[in-house]
Amino acid sequence: MVAARDWAAWHEPYADEDSPLSRRLRLLQGHITSWLDERTDETLHVVSACAGQAHDILGVLATRSAAFGPRIPQRS
């Protein structure tokens, strides 16, 4: 049997700028920023597979122009 996990508590270290999770997130956001800066495509499709709250992608897009605004696909 698998023990229940407190996912809210699991994300708390992101609030601490010196935590390993916070440092890893900043590193990943740096890679995403570099990748976006190199793209010339008009439309890009990105899937967030690292951060359950999508801070990896949304944190980067929040600092960019409206041209990089996310569109979240909806299930019908």
C-alpha atoms as a PDB file:
ATOM      1  CA  MET A   1       0.000   0.000   0.000  1.00  0.00           C
ATOM      2  CA  VAL A   2       1.279   3.457  -0.899  1.00  0.00           C
ATOM      3  CA  ALA A   3       1.194   6.165   1.756  1.00  0.00           C
ATOM      4  CA  ALA A   4      -0.720   9.345   0.994  1.00  0.00           C
ATOM      5  CA  ARG A   5       1.461  12.317   0.104  1.00  0.00           C
ATOM      6  CA  ASP A   6       0.770  15.904   1.139  1.00  0.00           C
ATOM      7  CA  TRP A   7       1.306  17.601  -2.220  1.00  0.00           C
ATOM      8  CA  ALA A   8       0.745  21.087  -0.816  1.00  0.00           C
ATOM      9  CA  ALA A   9       3.587  20.530   1.663  1.00  0.00           C
ATOM     10  CA  TRP A  10       5.756  19.039  -1.088  1.00  0.00           C
ATOM     11  CA  HIS A  11       5.600  22.355  -2.989  1.00  0.00           C
ATOM     12  CA  GLU A  12       6.492  24.523   0.050  1.00  0.00           C
ATOM     13  CA  PRO A  13      10.279  24.478  -0.627  1.00  0.00           C
ATOM     14  CA  TYR A  14       9.659  26.463  -3.825  1.00  0.00           C
ATOM     15  CA  ALA A  15       8.978  29.479  -1.570  1.00  0.00           C
ATOM     16  CA  ASP A  16      12.522  29.208  -0.145  1.00  0.00           C
ATOM     17  CA  GLU A  17      14.904  30.727  -2.720  1.00  0.00           C
ATOM     18  CA  ASP A  18      17.797  28.622  -1.383  1.00  0.00           C
ATOM     19  CA  SER A  19      16.052  25.242  -1.467  1.00  0.00           C
ATOM     20  CA  PRO A  20      17.172  22.612  -3.986  1.00  0.00           C
ATOM     21  CA  LEU A  21      13.703  22.650  -5.593  1.00  0.00           C
ATOM     22  CA  SER A  22      13.776  26.416  -6.024  1.00  0.00           C
ATOM     23  CA  ARG A  23      17.292  26.319  -7.502  1.00  0.00           C
ATOM     24  CA  ARG A  24      16.297  23.504  -9.867  1.00  0.00           C
ATOM     25  CA  LEU A  25      13.237  25.479 -10.991  1.00  0.00           C
ATOM     26  CA  ARG A  26      15.349  28.572 -11.755  1.00  0.00           C
ATOM     27  CA  LEU A  27      17.834  26.440 -13.701  1.00  0.00           C
ATOM     28  CA  LEU A  28      15.044  24.875 -15.737  1.00  0.00           C
ATOM     29  CA  GLN A  29      13.450  28.277 -16.368  1.00  0.00           C
ATOM     30  CA  GLY A  30      16.822  29.497 -17.647  1.00  0.00           C
ATOM     31  CA  HIS A  31      16.959  26.622 -20.127  1.00  0.00           C
ATOM     32  CA  ILE A  32      13.388  27.296 -21.251  1.00  0.00           C
ATOM     33  CA  THR A  33      14.158  31.012 -21.681  1.00  0.00           C
ATOM     34  CA  SER A  34      17.217  30.215 -23.798  1.00  0.00           C
ATOM     35  CA  TRP A  35      15.229  27.746 -25.892  1.00  0.00           C
ATOM     36  CA  LEU A  36      12.469  30.298 -26.526  1.00  0.00           C
ATOM     37  CA  ASP A  37      15.030  32.978 -27.430  1.00  0.00           C
ATOM     38  CA  GLU A  38      16.436  30.682 -30.127  1.00  0.00           C
ATOM     39  CA  ARG A  39      13.058  29.921 -31.729  1.00  0.00           C
ATOM     40  CA  THR A  40      11.854  31.692 -34.836  1.00  0.00           C
ATOM     41  CA  ASP A  41       8.714  29.585 -35.237  1.00  0.00           C
ATOM     42  CA  GLU A  42       5.425  31.451 -35.268  1.00  0.00           C
ATOM     43  CA  THR A  43       3.688  28.803 -33.170  1.00  0.00           C
ATOM     44  CA  LEU A  44       5.288  26.669 -30.482  1.00  0.00           C
ATOM     45  CA  HIS A  45       3.809  23.772 -28.560  1.00  0.00           C
ATOM     46  CA  VAL A  46       5.188  23.088 -25.101  1.00  0.00           C
ATOM     47  CA  VAL A  47       4.177  20.535 -22.511  1.00  0.00           C
ATOM     48  CA  SER A  48       5.109  21.106 -18.894  1.00  0.00           C
ATOM     49  CA  ALA A  49       6.280  17.795 -17.506  1.00  0.00           C
ATOM     50  CA  CYS A  50       8.391  18.913 -14.546  1.00  0.00           C
ATOM     51  CA  ALA A  51       6.455  21.131 -12.159  1.00  0.00           C
ATOM     52  CA  GLY A  52       3.001  20.079 -11.047  1.00  0.00           C
ATOM     53  CA  GLN A  53       1.967  23.730 -10.853  1.00  0.00           C
ATOM     54  CA  ALA A  54       3.519  24.526 -14.261  1.00  0.00           C
ATOM     55  CA  HIS A  55       5.820  27.141 -12.727  1.00  0.00           C
ATOM     56  CA  ASP A  56       8.536  25.986 -15.099  1.00  0.00           C
ATOM     57  CA  ILE A  57       6.668  27.233 -18.181  1.00  0.00           C
ATOM     58  CA  LEU A  58       4.282  29.823 -16.740  1.00  0.00           C
ATOM     59  CA  GLY A  59       7.055  31.502 -14.745  1.00  0.00           C
ATOM     60  CA  VAL A  60       8.956  32.122 -17.981  1.00  0.00           C
ATOM     61  CA  LEU A  61       5.936  33.137 -20.052  1.00  0.00           C
ATOM     62  CA  ALA A  62       4.929  35.681 -17.392  1.00  0.00           C
ATOM     63  CA  THR A  63       8.119  37.636 -18.164  1.00  0.00           C
ATOM     64  CA  ARG A  64       7.688  37.616 -21.939  1.00  0.00           C
ATOM     65  CA  SER A  65       5.612  39.586 -24.409  1.00  0.00           C
ATOM     66  CA  ALA A  66       1.979  38.785 -25.105  1.00  0.00           C
ATOM     67  CA  ALA A  67       3.134  36.971 -28.242  1.00  0.00           C
ATOM     68  CA  PHE A  68       4.240  34.151 -25.955  1.00  0.00           C
ATOM     69  CA  GLY A  69       0.931  33.965 -24.116  1.00  0.00           C
ATOM     70  CA  PRO A  70      -0.126  30.435 -23.267  1.00  0.00           C
ATOM     71  CA  ARG A  71      -3.232  28.784 -24.595  1.00  0.00           C
ATOM     72  CA  ILE A  72      -4.335  25.838 -22.534  1.00  0.00           C
ATOM     73  CA  PRO A  73      -6.099  23.098 -24.483  1.00  0.00           C
ATOM     74  CA  GLN A  74      -9.529  22.229 -23.204  1.00  0.00           C
ATOM     75  CA  ARG A  75     -11.116  18.821 -23.281  1.00  0.00           C
ATOM     76  CA  SER A  76     -14.489  18.694 -24.913  1.00  0.00           C
END
